[in-house]
């Protein structure tokens, strides 16, 4: 399993909140411990304390870290300032929900939106 921290902060990150949903009847305690320690190690390496978190039982493993921090307002990127023609970089495919919202707002035509 690979962990990374990719946030860039002008004033530095303050803390992270750890959240996990893990199948406790499927994964061994050692594997669960390794997952949690991996996230802890990345935070420690970056000098970011884990402020807390929660874990629940789940059918499939899910793990994440939420970051709080300080950033220079002049360097802040806001989604509200996007303009037509700006590049949109997707980390994963868009879901049906966002597609339907675009159709509802007449932001795209169905044939154009689903064309290969």
C-alpha atoms as a PDB file:
ATOM      1  CA  UNK A   1       0.000   0.000   0.000  1.00  0.00           C
ATOM      2  CA  UNK A   2       1.335   3.420  -0.926  1.00  0.00           C
ATOM      3  CA  UNK A   3       0.743   6.566   1.068  1.00  0.00           C
ATOM      4  CA  UNK A   4       1.551  10.084   0.050  1.00  0.00           C
ATOM      5  CA  UNK A   5       0.854  13.613   1.043  1.00  0.00           C
ATOM      6  CA  UNK A   6       0.422  16.016  -1.854  1.00  0.00           C
ATOM      7  CA  UNK A   7      -0.948  19.172  -0.282  1.00  0.00           C
ATOM      8  CA  UNK A   8       1.085  22.343  -0.655  1.00  0.00           C
ATOM      9  CA  UNK A   9       0.543  24.930   2.056  1.00  0.00           C
ATOM     10  CA  UNK A  10       1.830  28.473   2.257  1.00  0.00           C
ATOM     11  CA  UNK A  11       1.564  28.567   6.047  1.00  0.00           C
ATOM     12  CA  UNK A  12       1.803  24.839   6.575  1.00  0.00           C
ATOM     13  CA  UNK A  13      -0.723  22.159   7.406  1.00  0.00           C
ATOM     14  CA  UNK A  14      -1.930  22.148  11.013  1.00  0.00           C
ATOM     15  CA  UNK A  15      -3.431  18.702  11.474  1.00  0.00           C
ATOM     16  CA  UNK A  16      -5.043  15.730   9.825  1.00  0.00           C
ATOM     17  CA  UNK A  17      -8.125  13.768  10.748  1.00  0.00           C
ATOM     18  CA  UNK A  18      -7.961  10.053  10.060  1.00  0.00           C
ATOM     19  CA  UNK A  19     -11.059   8.167   8.872  1.00  0.00           C
ATOM     20  CA  UNK A  20     -11.329   4.505   8.038  1.00  0.00           C
ATOM     21  CA  UNK A  21     -13.983   1.941   7.206  1.00  0.00           C
ATOM     22  CA  UNK A  22     -12.451  -1.513   7.316  1.00  0.00           C
ATOM     23  CA  UNK A  23     -13.888  -5.041   7.056  1.00  0.00           C
ATOM     24  CA  UNK A  24     -12.905  -6.236  10.532  1.00  0.00           C
ATOM     25  CA  UNK A  25     -14.107  -9.789   9.889  1.00  0.00           C
ATOM     26  CA  UNK A  26     -12.078 -10.082   6.658  1.00  0.00           C
ATOM     27  CA  UNK A  27      -8.819  -8.211   7.280  1.00  0.00           C
ATOM     28  CA  UNK A  28      -6.412  -9.389   9.936  1.00  0.00           C
ATOM     29  CA  UNK A  29      -5.671  -7.139  12.899  1.00  0.00           C
ATOM     30  CA  UNK A  30      -2.111  -6.877  11.601  1.00  0.00           C
ATOM     31  CA  UNK A  31      -3.297  -5.600   8.200  1.00  0.00           C
ATOM     32  CA  UNK A  32      -5.599  -3.051   9.827  1.00  0.00           C
ATOM     33  CA  UNK A  33      -2.767  -1.943  12.106  1.00  0.00           C
ATOM     34  CA  UNK A  34      -0.427  -1.627   9.078  1.00  0.00           C
ATOM     35  CA  UNK A  35      -2.967   0.531   7.223  1.00  0.00           C
ATOM     36  CA  UNK A  36      -3.370   2.891  10.178  1.00  0.00           C
ATOM     37  CA  UNK A  37       0.379   2.995  10.860  1.00  0.00           C
ATOM     38  CA  UNK A  38       1.079   3.763   7.189  1.00  0.00           C
ATOM     39  CA  UNK A  39      -1.063   6.892   7.351  1.00  0.00           C
ATOM     40  CA  UNK A  40       0.490   7.826  10.677  1.00  0.00           C
ATOM     41  CA  UNK A  41       4.011   7.434   9.241  1.00  0.00           C
ATOM     42  CA  UNK A  42       3.272   9.735   6.290  1.00  0.00           C
ATOM     43  CA  UNK A  43       1.854  12.377   8.618  1.00  0.00           C
ATOM     44  CA  UNK A  44       4.838  12.061  10.946  1.00  0.00           C
ATOM     45  CA  UNK A  45       7.264  12.355   8.005  1.00  0.00           C
ATOM     46  CA  UNK A  46       5.479  15.532   6.873  1.00  0.00           C
ATOM     47  CA  UNK A  47       5.469  16.919  10.425  1.00  0.00           C
ATOM     48  CA  UNK A  48       1.678  16.906  10.631  1.00  0.00           C
ATOM     49  CA  UNK A  49       0.031  15.587  13.794  1.00  0.00           C
ATOM     50  CA  UNK A  50      -3.058  13.403  13.528  1.00  0.00           C
ATOM     51  CA  UNK A  51      -5.640  15.229  15.618  1.00  0.00           C
ATOM     52  CA  UNK A  52      -8.130  12.367  15.801  1.00  0.00           C
ATOM     53  CA  UNK A  53     -10.370  10.244  13.689  1.00  0.00           C
ATOM     54  CA  UNK A  54     -12.832   7.420  13.604  1.00  0.00           C
ATOM     55  CA  UNK A  55     -13.103   3.875  12.293  1.00  0.00           C
ATOM     56  CA  UNK A  56     -16.130   1.784  11.416  1.00  0.00           C
ATOM     57  CA  UNK A  57     -16.766  -1.730  10.135  1.00  0.00           C
ATOM     58  CA  UNK A  58     -17.295  -1.862   6.363  1.00  0.00           C
ATOM     59  CA  UNK A  59     -17.645  -4.372   3.550  1.00  0.00           C
ATOM     60  CA  UNK A  60     -14.601  -2.971   1.740  1.00  0.00           C
ATOM     61  CA  UNK A  61     -11.549  -1.102   3.046  1.00  0.00           C
ATOM     62  CA  UNK A  62     -11.682   2.691   2.853  1.00  0.00           C
ATOM     63  CA  UNK A  63      -9.046   4.949   4.366  1.00  0.00           C
ATOM     64  CA  UNK A  64      -8.568   8.690   4.201  1.00  0.00           C
ATOM     65  CA  UNK A  65      -7.027  11.718   5.813  1.00  0.00           C
ATOM     66  CA  UNK A  66      -8.620  15.170   5.931  1.00  0.00           C
ATOM     67  CA  UNK A  67      -6.270  18.137   6.327  1.00  0.00           C
ATOM     68  CA  UNK A  68      -6.713  21.456   8.060  1.00  0.00           C
ATOM     69  CA  UNK A  69      -4.168  24.202   7.534  1.00  0.00           C
ATOM     70  CA  UNK A  70      -3.312  27.781   6.750  1.00  0.00           C
ATOM     71  CA  UNK A  71      -2.876  29.116   3.226  1.00  0.00           C
ATOM     72  CA  UNK A  72      -2.041  32.540   1.797  1.00  0.00           C
ATOM     73  CA  UNK A  73      -5.397  33.899   0.516  1.00  0.00           C
ATOM     74  CA  UNK A  74      -3.631  35.279  -2.604  1.00  0.00           C
ATOM     75  CA  UNK A  75      -2.597  31.729  -3.590  1.00  0.00           C
ATOM     76  CA  UNK A  76      -5.928  30.065  -2.838  1.00  0.00           C
ATOM     77  CA  UNK A  77      -7.597  28.346  -5.800  1.00  0.00           C
ATOM     78  CA  UNK A  78     -11.384  28.521  -5.673  1.00  0.00           C
ATOM     79  CA  UNK A  79     -13.853  26.538  -7.728  1.00  0.00           C
ATOM     80  CA  UNK A  80     -16.132  29.595  -7.755  1.00  0.00           C
ATOM     81  CA  UNK A  81     -13.619  31.510  -9.888  1.00  0.00           C
ATOM     82  CA  UNK A  82     -13.536  28.959 -12.734  1.00  0.00           C
ATOM     83  CA  UNK A  83     -14.236  30.404 -16.179  1.00  0.00           C
ATOM     84  CA  UNK A  84     -15.467  28.862 -19.378  1.00  0.00           C
ATOM     85  CA  UNK A  85     -12.489  27.392 -21.226  1.00  0.00           C
ATOM     86  CA  UNK A  86     -10.411  26.676 -18.073  1.00  0.00           C
ATOM     87  CA  UNK A  87      -8.750  23.270 -17.989  1.00  0.00           C
ATOM     88  CA  UNK A  88     -10.481  20.725 -15.767  1.00  0.00           C
ATOM     89  CA  UNK A  89      -8.247  17.975 -14.403  1.00  0.00           C
ATOM     90  CA  UNK A  90     -10.186  14.920 -13.245  1.00  0.00           C
ATOM     91  CA  UNK A  91      -8.727  12.465 -10.756  1.00  0.00           C
ATOM     92  CA  UNK A  92     -11.384   9.904 -11.673  1.00  0.00           C
ATOM     93  CA  UNK A  93     -14.312   9.600 -14.099  1.00  0.00           C
ATOM     94  CA  UNK A  94     -17.337  11.790 -13.527  1.00  0.00           C
ATOM     95  CA  UNK A  95     -20.345  10.097 -11.993  1.00  0.00           C
ATOM     96  CA  UNK A  96     -23.885  10.060 -13.286  1.00  0.00           C
ATOM     97  CA  UNK A  97     -24.947  12.615 -10.655  1.00  0.00           C
ATOM     98  CA  UNK A  98     -22.741  15.407 -11.957  1.00  0.00           C
ATOM     99  CA  UNK A  99     -23.640  14.532 -15.546  1.00  0.00           C
ATOM    100  CA  UNK A 100     -27.384  14.791 -14.783  1.00  0.00           C
ATOM    101  CA  UNK A 101     -26.868  18.069 -12.913  1.00  0.00           C
ATOM    102  CA  UNK A 102     -25.212  19.495 -16.017  1.00  0.00           C
ATOM    103  CA  UNK A 103     -28.133  18.362 -18.166  1.00  0.00           C
ATOM    104  CA  UNK A 104     -30.599  19.891 -15.660  1.00  0.00           C
ATOM    105  CA  UNK A 105     -28.782  23.222 -15.840  1.00  0.00           C
ATOM    106  CA  UNK A 106     -28.586  22.911 -19.635  1.00  0.00           C
ATOM    107  CA  UNK A 107     -24.830  23.169 -19.320  1.00  0.00           C
ATOM    108  CA  UNK A 108     -24.372  20.374 -21.829  1.00  0.00           C
ATOM    109  CA  UNK A 109     -26.365  18.490 -24.399  1.00  0.00           C
ATOM    110  CA  UNK A 110     -26.752  14.761 -23.867  1.00  0.00           C
ATOM    111  CA  UNK A 111     -25.266  13.736 -27.247  1.00  0.00           C
ATOM    112  CA  UNK A 112     -22.204  15.937 -26.743  1.00  0.00           C
ATOM    113  CA  UNK A 113     -21.700  14.820 -23.163  1.00  0.00           C
ATOM    114  CA  UNK A 114     -21.699  11.093 -23.923  1.00  0.00           C
ATOM    115  CA  UNK A 115     -19.822  11.235 -27.242  1.00  0.00           C
ATOM    116  CA  UNK A 116     -16.486   9.320 -27.162  1.00  0.00           C
END
